[in-house]
C-alpha atoms as a PDB file:
ATOM      1  CA  MET A   1     114.704  93.869 119.912  1.00  0.00           C
ATOM      2  CA  VAL A   2     111.625  95.252 118.318  1.00  0.00           C
ATOM      3  CA  LYS A   3     109.072  96.922 120.511  1.00  0.00           C
ATOM      4  CA  THR A   4     105.416  96.926 119.510  1.00  0.00           C
ATOM      5  CA  VAL A   5     103.653 100.177 119.671  1.00  0.00           C
ATOM      6  CA  SER A   6      99.886  99.425 119.662  1.00  0.00           C
ATOM      7  CA  PRO A   7      98.494 102.697 118.194  1.00  0.00           C
ATOM      8  CA  ASN A   8     100.957 102.973 115.416  1.00  0.00           C
ATOM      9  CA  GLU A   9      99.730 105.853 113.198  1.00  0.00           C
ATOM     10  CA  VAL A  10     102.291 105.216 110.469  1.00  0.00           C
ATOM     11  CA  GLU A  11     101.331 101.571 110.113  1.00  0.00           C
ATOM     12  CA  ASP A  12      97.575 102.552 109.859  1.00  0.00           C
ATOM     13  CA  TYR A  13      98.510 105.061 107.206  1.00  0.00           C
ATOM     14  CA  LEU A  14     100.375 102.529 105.109  1.00  0.00           C
ATOM     15  CA  LYS A  15      97.683  99.796 105.710  1.00  0.00           C
ATOM     16  CA  LYS A  16      95.065 101.941 103.816  1.00  0.00           C
ATOM     17  CA  ASN A  17      97.187 101.670 100.702  1.00  0.00           C
ATOM     18  CA  PRO A  18      98.924  98.407 100.919  1.00  0.00           C
ATOM     19  CA  ASN A  19     100.535  98.511  97.467  1.00  0.00           C
ATOM     20  CA  LYS A  20     101.641 102.100  97.597  1.00  0.00           C
ATOM     21  CA  MET A  21     105.249 103.026  98.194  1.00  0.00           C
ATOM     22  CA  VAL A  22     105.463 106.109 100.199  1.00  0.00           C
ATOM     23  CA  SER A  23     108.526 108.319 101.157  1.00  0.00           C
ATOM     24  CA  LEU A  24     109.434 109.203 104.776  1.00  0.00           C
ATOM     25  CA  ARG A  25     108.761 112.925 103.892  1.00  0.00           C
ATOM     26  CA  ASN A  26     105.265 112.362 102.557  1.00  0.00           C
ATOM     27  CA  ILE A  27     104.395 110.168 105.692  1.00  0.00           C
ATOM     28  CA  TYR A  28     105.462 112.631 108.304  1.00  0.00           C
ATOM     29  CA  ARG A  29     103.987 115.705 106.360  1.00  0.00           C
ATOM     30  CA  ASP A  30     100.595 113.840 105.925  1.00  0.00           C
ATOM     31  CA  LEU A  31     100.469 112.690 109.605  1.00  0.00           C
ATOM     32  CA  SER A  32     101.810 115.978 111.121  1.00  0.00           C
ATOM     33  CA  MET A  33     104.452 114.137 112.959  1.00  0.00           C
ATOM     34  CA  LYS A  34     108.218 114.742 113.658  1.00  0.00           C
ATOM     35  CA  ARG A  35     110.543 113.114 111.255  1.00  0.00           C
ATOM     36  CA  ARG A  36     112.481 111.279 114.087  1.00  0.00           C
ATOM     37  CA  LYS A  37     109.278 109.917 115.727  1.00  0.00           C
ATOM     38  CA  THR A  38     108.100 108.695 112.289  1.00  0.00           C
ATOM     39  CA  LEU A  39     111.412 106.757 111.874  1.00  0.00           C
ATOM     40  CA  TRP A  40     111.155 105.320 115.245  1.00  0.00           C
ATOM     41  CA  LEU A  41     107.662 103.980 114.567  1.00  0.00           C
ATOM     42  CA  ILE A  42     108.790 102.599 111.247  1.00  0.00           C
ATOM     43  CA  ASN A  43     111.809 100.869 112.561  1.00  0.00           C
ATOM     44  CA  ASN A  44     109.702  99.305 115.393  1.00  0.00           C
ATOM     45  CA  SER A  45     106.977  97.886 113.259  1.00  0.00           C
ATOM     46  CA  SER A  46     107.074  94.486 111.766  1.00  0.00           C
ATOM     47  CA  HIS A  47     104.483  95.259 109.125  1.00  0.00           C
ATOM     48  CA  ILE A  48     106.442  98.053 107.409  1.00  0.00           C
ATOM     49  CA  ARG A  49     109.310  97.286 105.091  1.00  0.00           C
ATOM     50  CA  LYS A  50     111.963  99.353 103.382  1.00  0.00           C
ATOM     51  CA  VAL A  51     111.508  99.374  99.672  1.00  0.00           C
ATOM     52  CA  THR A  52     114.760  98.725  97.437  1.00  0.00           C
ATOM     53  CA  PRO A  53     115.498 101.678  95.147  1.00  0.00           C
ATOM     54  CA  ILE A  54     115.091  99.509  91.937  1.00  0.00           C
ATOM     55  CA  GLU A  55     111.336  99.107  92.948  1.00  0.00           C
ATOM     56  CA  VAL A  56     110.695 102.884  92.640  1.00  0.00           C
ATOM     57  CA  GLY A  57     113.109 103.435  89.625  1.00  0.00           C
ATOM     58  CA  CYS A  58     115.928 104.959  91.427  1.00  0.00           C
ATOM     59  CA  GLY A  59     119.670 104.443  91.113  1.00  0.00           C
ATOM     60  CA  LYS A  60     120.675 105.304  94.673  1.00  0.00           C
ATOM     61  CA  TYR A  61     122.099 102.897  97.122  1.00  0.00           C
ATOM     62  CA  LYS A  62     119.331 103.486  99.735  1.00  0.00           C
ATOM     63  CA  VAL A  63     116.190 105.524  99.871  1.00  0.00           C
ATOM     64  CA  HIS A  64     113.621 106.299 102.619  1.00  0.00           C
ATOM     65  CA  VAL A  65     110.655 104.807 100.767  1.00  0.00           C
ATOM     66  CA  TYR A  66     108.355 102.243 102.783  1.00  0.00           C
ATOM     67  CA  THR A  67     105.327 100.045 102.112  1.00  0.00           C
ATOM     68  CA  TYR A  68     102.859  98.023 104.191  1.00  0.00           C
ATOM     69  CA  VAL A  69     103.487  94.233 104.458  1.00  0.00           C
ATOM     70  CA  GLU A  70     101.178  91.751 106.116  1.00  0.00           C
END
């Protein structure tokens, strides 16, 4: 079940640069939010997707990098 949060600051932040892939750390530092709250907002948004590691040139299995999707 996905809850919708009307004033989603993370979604607004990523919407400004729709093609940019931003890490979790940069998001919560730029917005001055707690890491846990930022993750909650990301997971409850239907307009934010997790980027695959290959898209950012990483060989890891999973990374906390997100981008905005319409």
